Protein backbone atom coordinates (compact mmCIF):
# COMPACT_ATOMS: atom_id res chain seq x y z
CA UNK A 1 0.00 0.00 0.00
CA UNK A 2 2.76 2.40 0.83
CA UNK A 3 4.48 1.60 -2.46
CA UNK A 4 1.25 2.30 -4.37
CA UNK A 5 0.80 5.64 -2.59
CA UNK A 6 4.42 6.48 -3.26
CA UNK A 7 4.02 5.55 -6.94
CA UNK A 8 0.82 7.63 -7.18
CA UNK A 9 2.63 10.60 -5.58
CA UNK A 10 5.51 10.31 -8.07
CA UNK A 11 3.07 10.10 -10.99
CA UNK A 12 1.31 13.21 -9.70
CA UNK A 13 4.63 15.07 -9.40
CA UNK A 14 5.63 14.04 -12.93
CA UNK A 15 2.30 15.15 -14.39
CA UNK A 16 2.54 18.48 -12.50
CA UNK A 17 6.07 18.91 -13.78
CA UNK A 18 4.96 18.20 -17.36
CA UNK A 19 2.13 20.73 -17.03
CA UNK A 20 4.56 23.41 -15.77
CA UNK A 21 6.97 22.59 -18.62
CA UNK A 22 4.15 22.96 -21.18
CA UNK A 23 3.18 26.33 -19.69
CA UNK A 24 6.79 27.51 -19.74
CA UNK A 25 7.25 26.28 -23.31
CA UNK A 26 4.17 28.23 -24.39
CA UNK A 27 5.56 31.35 -22.66
CA UNK A 28 8.96 30.85 -24.31
CA UNK A 29 7.33 30.48 -27.74
CA UNK A 30 5.28 33.64 -27.20
CA UNK A 31 8.37 35.58 -26.07
CA UNK A 32 10.41 34.33 -29.03
CA UNK A 33 7.63 35.30 -31.45
CA UNK A 34 7.36 38.80 -30.00
CA UNK A 35 11.15 39.17 -30.10
CA UNK A 36 11.26 38.14 -33.76
CA UNK A 37 8.49 40.58 -34.56
CA UNK A 38 10.37 43.38 -32.78
CA UNK A 39 13.54 42.54 -34.72
CA UNK A 40 11.63 42.70 -38.02
CA UNK A 41 10.19 46.09 -37.07
CA UNK A 42 13.67 47.35 -36.16
CA UNK A 43 15.06 46.09 -39.46
CA UNK A 44 12.39 47.91 -41.45
CA UNK A 45 12.94 51.08 -39.43
CA UNK A 46 16.70 50.78 -39.93
CA UNK A 47 16.25 50.50 -43.69
CA UNK A 48 13.92 53.49 -43.62
CA UNK A 49 16.45 55.49 -41.65
CA UNK A 50 19.27 54.48 -44.01
CA UNK A 51 17.23 55.53 -47.04
CA UNK A 52 16.30 58.82 -45.39
CA UNK A 53 19.96 59.55 -44.58
CA UNK A 54 21.00 58.70 -48.12
CA UNK A 55 18.33 61.01 -49.53
CA UNK A 56 19.45 63.77 -47.15
CA UNK A 57 23.10 63.33 -48.21
CA UNK A 58 22.13 63.47 -51.88
CA UNK A 59 20.12 66.64 -51.24
CA UNK A 60 23.13 68.19 -49.48
CA UNK A 61 25.38 67.34 -52.42
CA UNK A 62 22.85 68.71 -54.88
CA UNK A 63 22.41 72.03 -53.08
CA UNK A 64 26.16 72.34 -52.59
CA UNK A 65 26.78 71.80 -56.29
CA UNK A 66 24.02 74.22 -57.23
CA UNK A 67 25.41 76.96 -55.00
CA UNK A 68 28.91 76.29 -56.35
CA UNK A 69 27.64 76.58 -59.91
CA UNK A 70 25.80 79.78 -59.03
CA UNK A 71 29.02 81.26 -57.56
CA UNK A 72 31.01 80.21 -60.62
CA UNK A 73 28.45 81.72 -62.97
CA UNK A 74 28.38 84.95 -61.00
CA UNK A 75 32.18 85.21 -60.90
CA UNK A 76 32.77 84.26 -64.55
CA UNK A 77 33.70 87.17 -66.82
CA UNK A 78 31.54 87.93 -69.80
CA UNK A 79 32.47 85.77 -72.77
CA UNK A 80 34.77 87.48 -75.24
CA UNK A 81 33.85 87.57 -78.87
CA UNK A 82 35.86 85.19 -81.04
CA UNK A 83 38.97 86.62 -82.66
CA UNK A 84 38.73 86.88 -86.41
CA UNK A 85 41.32 88.08 -88.84
CA UNK A 86 38.89 89.80 -91.21
CA UNK A 87 39.93 93.33 -90.39
CA UNK A 88 43.54 92.55 -89.48
CA UNK A 89 46.38 93.94 -91.57
CA UNK A 90 48.39 90.77 -91.12
CA UNK A 91 47.11 87.20 -90.96
CA UNK A 92 47.72 85.36 -87.68
CA UNK A 93 51.23 83.98 -87.47
CA UNK A 94 51.61 80.22 -87.40
CA UNK A 95 54.64 78.75 -85.71
CA UNK A 96 56.63 76.36 -87.81
CA UNK A 97 58.74 73.43 -86.76
CA UNK A 98 62.21 74.61 -85.83
CA UNK A 99 61.18 78.14 -84.88
CA UNK A 100 62.10 79.32 -81.37
CA UNK A 101 58.44 79.59 -80.34
CA UNK A 102 57.53 76.07 -81.49
CA UNK A 103 59.29 74.50 -78.51
CA UNK A 104 56.97 76.22 -76.04
C-alpha atoms as a PDB file:
ATOM      1  CA  UNK A   1       0.000   0.000   0.000  1.00  0.00           C
ATOM      2  CA  UNK A   2       2.765   2.399   0.835  1.00  0.00           C
ATOM      3  CA  UNK A   3       4.482   1.596  -2.455  1.00  0.00           C
ATOM      4  CA  UNK A   4       1.251   2.301  -4.373  1.00  0.00           C
ATOM      5  CA  UNK A   5       0.802   5.642  -2.587  1.00  0.00           C
ATOM      6  CA  UNK A   6       4.416   6.479  -3.263  1.00  0.00           C
ATOM      7  CA  UNK A   7       4.021   5.548  -6.940  1.00  0.00           C
ATOM      8  CA  UNK A   8       0.823   7.630  -7.182  1.00  0.00           C
ATOM      9  CA  UNK A   9       2.633  10.600  -5.580  1.00  0.00           C
ATOM     10  CA  UNK A  10       5.508  10.307  -8.066  1.00  0.00           C
ATOM     11  CA  UNK A  11       3.072  10.098 -10.986  1.00  0.00           C
ATOM     12  CA  UNK A  12       1.311  13.213  -9.695  1.00  0.00           C
ATOM     13  CA  UNK A  13       4.634  15.073  -9.401  1.00  0.00           C
ATOM     14  CA  UNK A  14       5.633  14.036 -12.926  1.00  0.00           C
ATOM     15  CA  UNK A  15       2.297  15.151 -14.385  1.00  0.00           C
ATOM     16  CA  UNK A  16       2.535  18.483 -12.499  1.00  0.00           C
ATOM     17  CA  UNK A  17       6.070  18.909 -13.785  1.00  0.00           C
ATOM     18  CA  UNK A  18       4.959  18.202 -17.363  1.00  0.00           C
ATOM     19  CA  UNK A  19       2.130  20.726 -17.029  1.00  0.00           C
ATOM     20  CA  UNK A  20       4.557  23.407 -15.774  1.00  0.00           C
ATOM     21  CA  UNK A  21       6.966  22.591 -18.623  1.00  0.00           C
ATOM     22  CA  UNK A  22       4.155  22.959 -21.177  1.00  0.00           C
ATOM     23  CA  UNK A  23       3.182  26.333 -19.689  1.00  0.00           C
ATOM     24  CA  UNK A  24       6.788  27.511 -19.739  1.00  0.00           C
ATOM     25  CA  UNK A  25       7.253  26.280 -23.306  1.00  0.00           C
ATOM     26  CA  UNK A  26       4.167  28.235 -24.386  1.00  0.00           C
ATOM     27  CA  UNK A  27       5.557  31.351 -22.660  1.00  0.00           C
ATOM     28  CA  UNK A  28       8.961  30.854 -24.306  1.00  0.00           C
ATOM     29  CA  UNK A  29       7.331  30.482 -27.735  1.00  0.00           C
ATOM     30  CA  UNK A  30       5.282  33.645 -27.197  1.00  0.00           C
ATOM     31  CA  UNK A  31       8.369  35.578 -26.068  1.00  0.00           C
ATOM     32  CA  UNK A  32      10.407  34.331 -29.031  1.00  0.00           C
ATOM     33  CA  UNK A  33       7.632  35.297 -31.452  1.00  0.00           C
ATOM     34  CA  UNK A  34       7.357  38.799 -30.003  1.00  0.00           C
ATOM     35  CA  UNK A  35      11.149  39.171 -30.096  1.00  0.00           C
ATOM     36  CA  UNK A  36      11.257  38.141 -33.758  1.00  0.00           C
ATOM     37  CA  UNK A  37       8.485  40.583 -34.560  1.00  0.00           C
ATOM     38  CA  UNK A  38      10.371  43.377 -32.779  1.00  0.00           C
ATOM     39  CA  UNK A  39      13.537  42.540 -34.721  1.00  0.00           C
ATOM     40  CA  UNK A  40      11.629  42.699 -38.023  1.00  0.00           C
ATOM     41  CA  UNK A  41      10.190  46.090 -37.070  1.00  0.00           C
ATOM     42  CA  UNK A  42      13.669  47.349 -36.164  1.00  0.00           C
ATOM     43  CA  UNK A  43      15.061  46.092 -39.464  1.00  0.00           C
ATOM     44  CA  UNK A  44      12.394  47.908 -41.447  1.00  0.00           C
ATOM     45  CA  UNK A  45      12.941  51.085 -39.425  1.00  0.00           C
ATOM     46  CA  UNK A  46      16.696  50.785 -39.925  1.00  0.00           C
ATOM     47  CA  UNK A  47      16.249  50.495 -43.686  1.00  0.00           C
ATOM     48  CA  UNK A  48      13.919  53.486 -43.624  1.00  0.00           C
ATOM     49  CA  UNK A  49      16.454  55.490 -41.651  1.00  0.00           C
ATOM     50  CA  UNK A  50      19.273  54.478 -44.008  1.00  0.00           C
ATOM     51  CA  UNK A  51      17.229  55.528 -47.045  1.00  0.00           C
ATOM     52  CA  UNK A  52      16.305  58.820 -45.392  1.00  0.00           C
ATOM     53  CA  UNK A  53      19.965  59.551 -44.584  1.00  0.00           C
ATOM     54  CA  UNK A  54      21.000  58.698 -48.124  1.00  0.00           C
ATOM     55  CA  UNK A  55      18.326  61.012 -49.527  1.00  0.00           C
ATOM     56  CA  UNK A  56      19.453  63.773 -47.146  1.00  0.00           C
ATOM     57  CA  UNK A  57      23.099  63.334 -48.206  1.00  0.00           C
ATOM     58  CA  UNK A  58      22.132  63.468 -51.880  1.00  0.00           C
ATOM     59  CA  UNK A  59      20.116  66.636 -51.240  1.00  0.00           C
ATOM     60  CA  UNK A  60      23.131  68.190 -49.482  1.00  0.00           C
ATOM     61  CA  UNK A  61      25.377  67.338 -52.416  1.00  0.00           C
ATOM     62  CA  UNK A  62      22.849  68.715 -54.884  1.00  0.00           C
ATOM     63  CA  UNK A  63      22.407  72.027 -53.080  1.00  0.00           C
ATOM     64  CA  UNK A  64      26.164  72.336 -52.592  1.00  0.00           C
ATOM     65  CA  UNK A  65      26.777  71.796 -56.289  1.00  0.00           C
ATOM     66  CA  UNK A  66      24.020  74.222 -57.231  1.00  0.00           C
ATOM     67  CA  UNK A  67      25.405  76.957 -54.997  1.00  0.00           C
ATOM     68  CA  UNK A  68      28.911  76.291 -56.350  1.00  0.00           C
ATOM     69  CA  UNK A  69      27.638  76.581 -59.908  1.00  0.00           C
ATOM     70  CA  UNK A  70      25.800  79.785 -59.030  1.00  0.00           C
ATOM     71  CA  UNK A  71      29.017  81.259 -57.565  1.00  0.00           C
ATOM     72  CA  UNK A  72      31.014  80.212 -60.619  1.00  0.00           C
ATOM     73  CA  UNK A  73      28.454  81.722 -62.974  1.00  0.00           C
ATOM     74  CA  UNK A  74      28.379  84.955 -61.003  1.00  0.00           C
ATOM     75  CA  UNK A  75      32.176  85.209 -60.905  1.00  0.00           C
ATOM     76  CA  UNK A  76      32.767  84.263 -64.550  1.00  0.00           C
ATOM     77  CA  UNK A  77      33.702  87.168 -66.820  1.00  0.00           C
ATOM     78  CA  UNK A  78      31.542  87.934 -69.803  1.00  0.00           C
ATOM     79  CA  UNK A  79      32.470  85.772 -72.769  1.00  0.00           C
ATOM     80  CA  UNK A  80      34.773  87.484 -75.244  1.00  0.00           C
ATOM     81  CA  UNK A  81      33.853  87.570 -78.872  1.00  0.00           C
ATOM     82  CA  UNK A  82      35.859  85.191 -81.038  1.00  0.00           C
ATOM     83  CA  UNK A  83      38.968  86.621 -82.661  1.00  0.00           C
ATOM     84  CA  UNK A  84      38.728  86.884 -86.406  1.00  0.00           C
ATOM     85  CA  UNK A  85      41.317  88.083 -88.845  1.00  0.00           C
ATOM     86  CA  UNK A  86      38.894  89.795 -91.211  1.00  0.00           C
ATOM     87  CA  UNK A  87      39.926  93.333 -90.391  1.00  0.00           C
ATOM     88  CA  UNK A  88      43.543  92.550 -89.483  1.00  0.00           C
ATOM     89  CA  UNK A  89      46.378  93.942 -91.565  1.00  0.00           C
ATOM     90  CA  UNK A  90      48.392  90.766 -91.119  1.00  0.00           C
ATOM     91  CA  UNK A  91      47.110  87.203 -90.957  1.00  0.00           C
ATOM     92  CA  UNK A  92      47.722  85.365 -87.680  1.00  0.00           C
ATOM     93  CA  UNK A  93      51.225  83.975 -87.470  1.00  0.00           C
ATOM     94  CA  UNK A  94      51.615  80.219 -87.404  1.00  0.00           C
ATOM     95  CA  UNK A  95      54.638  78.748 -85.705  1.00  0.00           C
ATOM     96  CA  UNK A  96      56.628  76.360 -87.807  1.00  0.00           C
ATOM     97  CA  UNK A  97      58.741  73.433 -86.761  1.00  0.00           C
ATOM     98  CA  UNK A  98      62.207  74.610 -85.827  1.00  0.00           C
ATOM     99  CA  UNK A  99      61.175  78.139 -84.875  1.00  0.00           C
ATOM    100  CA  UNK A 100      62.101  79.324 -81.371  1.00  0.00           C
ATOM    101  CA  UNK A 101      58.437  79.589 -80.343  1.00  0.00           C
ATOM    102  CA  UNK A 102      57.531  76.073 -81.494  1.00  0.00           C
ATOM    103  CA  UNK A 103      59.287  74.498 -78.510  1.00  0.00           C
ATOM    104  CA  UNK A 104      56.973  76.217 -76.044  1.00  0.00           C
END
